[in-house]
Amino acid sequence: MSKPLQISADTAVKLSEQLGVPIEHLMHMPRHILLQKLSELAKPDTAPAPESDNKS
């Protein structure tokens, strides 16, 4: 069994809201799963929107 993540309570609350998972699940989530979910969250923010600036 893995030990709980070493993050602050404030960070845990924010992450649970952004990921849509209960804090209890977040705290016992394997680190690699959490990092994968965080990278998935970041992708839409950094990806350019297709066809958004083609105003001719």
PDB file of N, CA and C in Angstrom:
ATOM      1  N   MET A   1       0.847  -1.195   0.000  1.00  0.00           N
ATOM      2  CA  MET A   1       0.000   0.000   0.000  1.00  0.00           C
ATOM      3  C   MET A   1       0.878   1.238   0.000  1.00  0.00           C
ATOM      4  N   SER A   2       0.551   2.197  -0.854  1.00  0.00           N
ATOM      5  CA  SER A   2       1.353   3.408  -0.953  1.00  0.00           C
ATOM      6  C   SER A   2       0.962   4.402   0.132  1.00  0.00           C
ATOM      7  N   LYS A   3       1.939   5.230   0.525  1.00  0.00           N
ATOM      8  CA  LYS A   3       1.643   6.251   1.521  1.00  0.00           C
ATOM      9  C   LYS A   3       0.928   7.416   0.864  1.00  0.00           C
ATOM     10  N   PRO A   4       0.140   8.166   1.629  1.00  0.00           N
ATOM     11  CA  PRO A   4      -0.584   9.315   1.052  1.00  0.00           C
ATOM     12  C   PRO A   4       0.369  10.325   0.435  1.00  0.00           C
ATOM     13  N   LEU A   5      -0.118  11.059  -0.543  1.00  0.00           N
ATOM     14  CA  LEU A   5       0.678  12.097  -1.193  1.00  0.00           C
ATOM     15  C   LEU A   5       1.102  13.151  -0.180  1.00  0.00           C
ATOM     16  N   GLN A   6       2.288  13.687  -0.366  1.00  0.00           N
ATOM     17  CA  GLN A   6       2.805  14.715   0.529  1.00  0.00           C
ATOM     18  C   GLN A   6       2.484  16.095  -0.045  1.00  0.00           C
ATOM     19  N   ILE A   7       1.211  16.497   0.045  1.00  0.00           N
ATOM     20  CA  ILE A   7       0.776  17.800  -0.445  1.00  0.00           C
ATOM     21  C   ILE A   7      -0.032  18.482   0.643  1.00  0.00           C
ATOM     22  N   SER A   8      -0.124  19.796   0.556  1.00  0.00           N
ATOM     23  CA  SER A   8      -0.865  20.537   1.570  1.00  0.00           C
ATOM     24  C   SER A   8      -2.370  20.310   1.408  1.00  0.00           C
ATOM     25  N   ALA A   9      -3.106  20.582   2.462  1.00  0.00           N
ATOM     26  CA  ALA A   9      -4.563  20.422   2.424  1.00  0.00           C
ATOM     27  C   ALA A   9      -5.174  21.337   1.367  1.00  0.00           C
ATOM     28  N   ASP A  10      -4.655  22.553   1.260  1.00  0.00           N
ATOM     29  CA  ASP A  10      -5.158  23.505   0.277  1.00  0.00           C
ATOM     30  C   ASP A  10      -4.945  22.985  -1.145  1.00  0.00           C
ATOM     31  N   THR A  11      -3.757  22.438  -1.388  1.00  0.00           N
ATOM     32  CA  THR A  11      -3.455  21.861  -2.704  1.00  0.00           C
ATOM     33  C   THR A  11      -4.356  20.668  -2.979  1.00  0.00           C
ATOM     34  N   ALA A  12      -4.576  19.835  -1.979  1.00  0.00           N
ATOM     35  CA  ALA A  12      -5.433  18.659  -2.148  1.00  0.00           C
ATOM     36  C   ALA A  12      -6.852  19.068  -2.525  1.00  0.00           C
ATOM     37  N   VAL A  13      -7.372  20.096  -1.889  1.00  0.00           N
ATOM     38  CA  VAL A  13      -8.724  20.574  -2.191  1.00  0.00           C
ATOM     39  C   VAL A  13      -8.796  21.077  -3.636  1.00  0.00           C
ATOM     40  N   LYS A  14      -7.815  21.888  -4.031  1.00  0.00           N
ATOM     41  CA  LYS A  14      -7.816  22.437  -5.397  1.00  0.00           C
ATOM     42  C   LYS A  14      -7.693  21.334  -6.435  1.00  0.00           C
ATOM     43  N   LEU A  15      -6.801  20.363  -6.194  1.00  0.00           N
ATOM     44  CA  LEU A  15      -6.629  19.272  -7.144  1.00  0.00           C
ATOM     45  C   LEU A  15      -7.880  18.409  -7.238  1.00  0.00           C
ATOM     46  N   SER A  16      -8.505  18.137  -6.107  1.00  0.00           N
ATOM     47  CA  SER A  16      -9.703  17.291  -6.131  1.00  0.00           C
ATOM     48  C   SER A  16     -10.824  17.969  -6.915  1.00  0.00           C
ATOM     49  N   GLU A  17     -10.926  19.293  -6.790  1.00  0.00           N
ATOM     50  CA  GLU A  17     -11.941  20.032  -7.546  1.00  0.00           C
ATOM     51  C   GLU A  17     -11.630  19.998  -9.043  1.00  0.00           C
ATOM     52  N   GLN A  18     -10.376  20.240  -9.399  1.00  0.00           N
ATOM     53  CA  GLN A  18     -10.000  20.279 -10.816  1.00  0.00           C
ATOM     54  C   GLN A  18     -10.105  18.909 -11.470  1.00  0.00           C
ATOM     55  N   LEU A  19      -9.727  17.860 -10.729  1.00  0.00           N
ATOM     56  CA  LEU A  19      -9.745  16.509 -11.296  1.00  0.00           C
ATOM     57  C   LEU A  19     -11.117  15.863 -11.181  1.00  0.00           C
ATOM     58  N   GLY A  20     -11.967  16.416 -10.328  1.00  0.00           N
ATOM     59  CA  GLY A  20     -13.298  15.849 -10.151  1.00  0.00           C
ATOM     60  C   GLY A  20     -13.292  14.543  -9.373  1.00  0.00           C
ATOM     61  N   VAL A  21     -12.349  14.403  -8.452  1.00  0.00           N
ATOM     62  CA  VAL A  21     -12.292  13.200  -7.613  1.00  0.00           C
ATOM     63  C   VAL A  21     -12.353  13.605  -6.147  1.00  0.00           C
ATOM     64  N   PRO A  22     -12.924  12.754  -5.301  1.00  0.00           N
ATOM     65  CA  PRO A  22     -12.949  13.072  -3.863  1.00  0.00           C
ATOM     66  C   PRO A  22     -11.530  13.169  -3.295  1.00  0.00           C
ATOM     67  N   ILE A  23     -11.356  13.999  -2.279  1.00  0.00           N
ATOM     68  CA  ILE A  23     -10.039  14.181  -1.670  1.00  0.00           C
ATOM     69  C   ILE A  23      -9.470  12.856  -1.180  1.00  0.00           C
ATOM     70  N   GLU A  24     -10.329  11.983  -0.633  1.00  0.00           N
ATOM     71  CA  GLU A  24      -9.862  10.690  -0.119  1.00  0.00           C
ATOM     72  C   GLU A  24      -9.219   9.876  -1.249  1.00  0.00           C
ATOM     73  N   HIS A  25      -9.833   9.912  -2.427  1.00  0.00           N
ATOM     74  CA  HIS A  25      -9.272   9.180  -3.574  1.00  0.00           C
ATOM     75  C   HIS A  25      -7.973   9.826  -4.028  1.00  0.00           C
ATOM     76  N   LEU A  26      -7.965  11.154  -4.057  1.00  0.00           N
ATOM     77  CA  LEU A  26      -6.784  11.891  -4.491  1.00  0.00           C
ATOM     78  C   LEU A  26      -5.578  11.572  -3.614  1.00  0.00           C
ATOM     79  N   MET A  27      -5.770  11.546  -2.305  1.00  0.00           N
ATOM     80  CA  MET A  27      -4.662  11.353  -1.382  1.00  0.00           C
ATOM     81  C   MET A  27      -4.039   9.967  -1.493  1.00  0.00           C
ATOM     82  N   HIS A  28      -4.809   8.993  -1.961  1.00  0.00           N
ATOM     83  CA  HIS A  28      -4.280   7.626  -2.071  1.00  0.00           C
ATOM     84  C   HIS A  28      -4.020   7.227  -3.517  1.00  0.00           C
ATOM     85  N   MET A  29      -4.137   8.185  -4.416  1.00  0.00           N
ATOM     86  CA  MET A  29      -3.884   7.930  -5.829  1.00  0.00           C
ATOM     87  C   MET A  29      -2.379   7.765  -6.041  1.00  0.00           C
ATOM     88  N   PRO A  30      -1.969   6.755  -6.804  1.00  0.00           N
ATOM     89  CA  PRO A  30      -0.528   6.619  -7.098  1.00  0.00           C
ATOM     90  C   PRO A  30      -0.017   7.867  -7.798  1.00  0.00           C
ATOM     91  N   ARG A  31       1.211   8.244  -7.479  1.00  0.00           N
ATOM     92  CA  ARG A  31       1.791   9.487  -7.990  1.00  0.00           C
ATOM     93  C   ARG A  31       1.785   9.532  -9.519  1.00  0.00           C
ATOM     94  N   HIS A  32       2.101   8.414 -10.185  1.00  0.00           N
ATOM     95  CA  HIS A  32       2.154   8.438 -11.650  1.00  0.00           C
ATOM     96  C   HIS A  32       0.775   8.659 -12.259  1.00  0.00           C
ATOM     97  N   ILE A  33      -0.275   8.167 -11.596  1.00  0.00           N
ATOM     98  CA  ILE A  33      -1.645   8.390 -12.078  1.00  0.00           C
ATOM     99  C   ILE A  33      -2.000   9.869 -11.921  1.00  0.00           C
ATOM    100  N   LEU A  34      -1.648  10.441 -10.783  1.00  0.00           N
ATOM    101  CA  LEU A  34      -1.930  11.859 -10.536  1.00  0.00           C
ATOM    102  C   LEU A  34      -1.210  12.731 -11.569  1.00  0.00           C
ATOM    103  N   LEU A  35       0.053  12.432 -11.826  1.00  0.00           N
ATOM    104  CA  LEU A  35       0.805  13.218 -12.802  1.00  0.00           C
ATOM    105  C   LEU A  35       0.201  13.081 -14.193  1.00  0.00           C
ATOM    106  N   GLN A  36      -0.271  11.894 -14.531  1.00  0.00           N
ATOM    107  CA  GLN A  36      -0.910  11.692 -15.837  1.00  0.00           C
ATOM    108  C   GLN A  36      -2.174  12.534 -15.943  1.00  0.00           C
ATOM    109  N   LYS A  37      -2.993  12.539 -14.885  1.00  0.00           N
ATOM    110  CA  LYS A  37      -4.228  13.314 -14.895  1.00  0.00           C
ATOM    111  C   LYS A  37      -3.931  14.816 -14.983  1.00  0.00           C
ATOM    112  N   LEU A  38      -2.895  15.264 -14.278  1.00  0.00           N
ATOM    113  CA  LEU A  38      -2.525  16.677 -14.329  1.00  0.00           C
ATOM    114  C   LEU A  38      -2.054  17.071 -15.725  1.00  0.00           C
ATOM    115  N   SER A  39      -1.311  16.189 -16.381  1.00  0.00           N
ATOM    116  CA  SER A  39      -0.848  16.523 -17.732  1.00  0.00           C
ATOM    117  C   SER A  39      -2.022  16.565 -18.703  1.00  0.00           C
ATOM    118  N   GLU A  40      -3.019  15.707 -18.490  1.00  0.00           N
ATOM    119  CA  GLU A  40      -4.217  15.741 -19.336  1.00  0.00           C
ATOM    120  C   GLU A  40      -4.986  17.048 -19.120  1.00  0.00           C
ATOM    121  N   LEU A  41      -5.030  17.517 -17.877  1.00  0.00           N
ATOM    122  CA  LEU A  41      -5.697  18.790 -17.584  1.00  0.00           C
ATOM    123  C   LEU A  41      -4.982  19.945 -18.272  1.00  0.00           C
ATOM    124  N   ALA A  42      -3.668  19.895 -18.319  1.00  0.00           N
ATOM    125  CA  ALA A  42      -2.883  20.995 -18.870  1.00  0.00           C
ATOM    126  C   ALA A  42      -2.948  21.050 -20.388  1.00  0.00           C
ATOM    127  N   LYS A  43      -3.159  19.930 -21.044  1.00  0.00           N
ATOM    128  CA  LYS A  43      -3.130  19.897 -22.509  1.00  0.00           C
ATOM    129  C   LYS A  43      -4.108  20.863 -23.178  1.00  0.00           C
ATOM    130  N   PRO A  44      -5.384  20.900 -22.801  1.00  0.00           N
ATOM    131  CA  PRO A  44      -6.304  21.819 -23.482  1.00  0.00           C
ATOM    132  C   PRO A  44      -5.903  23.284 -23.324  1.00  0.00           C
ATOM    133  N   ASP A  45      -5.252  23.643 -22.235  1.00  0.00           N
ATOM    134  CA  ASP A  45      -4.846  25.027 -22.007  1.00  0.00           C
ATOM    135  C   ASP A  45      -3.695  25.428 -22.923  1.00  0.00           C
ATOM    136  N   THR A  46      -2.794  24.499 -23.229  1.00  0.00           N
ATOM    137  CA  THR A  46      -1.617  24.831 -24.001  1.00  0.00           C
ATOM    138  C   THR A  46      -1.798  24.572 -25.487  1.00  0.00           C
ATOM    139  N   ALA A  47      -2.753  23.743 -25.846  1.00  0.00           N
ATOM    140  CA  ALA A  47      -2.958  23.417 -27.265  1.00  0.00           C
ATOM    141  C   ALA A  47      -3.630  24.602 -27.966  1.00  0.00           C
ATOM    142  N   PRO A  48      -3.125  24.984 -29.136  1.00  0.00           N
ATOM    143  CA  PRO A  48      -3.772  26.068 -29.879  1.00  0.00           C
ATOM    144  C   PRO A  48      -5.139  25.619 -30.398  1.00  0.00           C
ATOM    145  N   ALA A  49      -6.082  26.518 -30.350  1.00  0.00           N
ATOM    146  CA  ALA A  49      -7.416  26.190 -30.837  1.00  0.00           C
ATOM    147  C   ALA A  49      -7.398  26.162 -32.367  1.00  0.00           C
ATOM    148  N   PRO A  50      -7.814  25.066 -32.959  1.00  0.00           N
ATOM    149  CA  PRO A  50      -7.797  24.996 -34.426  1.00  0.00           C
ATOM    150  C   PRO A  50      -8.797  25.954 -35.054  1.00  0.00           C
ATOM    151  N   GLU A  51      -8.365  26.598 -36.126  1.00  0.00           N
ATOM    152  CA  GLU A  51      -9.237  27.487 -36.905  1.00  0.00           C
ATOM    153  C   GLU A  51      -9.732  28.709 -36.123  1.00  0.00           C
ATOM    154  N   SER A  52      -9.132  29.018 -34.963  1.00  0.00           N
ATOM    155  CA  SER A  52      -9.657  30.115 -34.151  1.00  0.00           C
ATOM    156  C   SER A  52      -9.228  31.487 -34.660  1.00  0.00           C
ATOM    157  N   ASP A  53      -8.025  31.582 -35.258  1.00  0.00           N
ATOM    158  CA  ASP A  53      -7.583  32.892 -35.700  1.00  0.00           C
ATOM    159  C   ASP A  53      -7.546  33.015 -37.232  1.00  0.00           C
ATOM    160  N   ASN A  54      -8.405  32.311 -37.899  1.00  0.00           N
ATOM    161  CA  ASN A  54      -8.534  32.411 -39.360  1.00  0.00           C
ATOM    162  C   ASN A  54      -9.695  33.325 -39.708  1.00  0.00           C
ATOM    163  N   LYS A  55      -9.575  34.587 -39.348  1.00  0.00           N
ATOM    164  CA  LYS A  55     -10.636  35.548 -39.644  1.00  0.00           C
ATOM    165  C   LYS A  55     -10.245  36.331 -40.879  1.00  0.00           C
ATOM    166  N   SER A  56     -10.726  35.896 -42.005  1.00  0.00           N
ATOM    167  CA  SER A  56     -10.367  36.543 -43.284  1.00  0.00           C
ATOM    168  C   SER A  56     -11.482  37.443 -43.759  1.00  0.00           C
TER     169      SER A  56
END
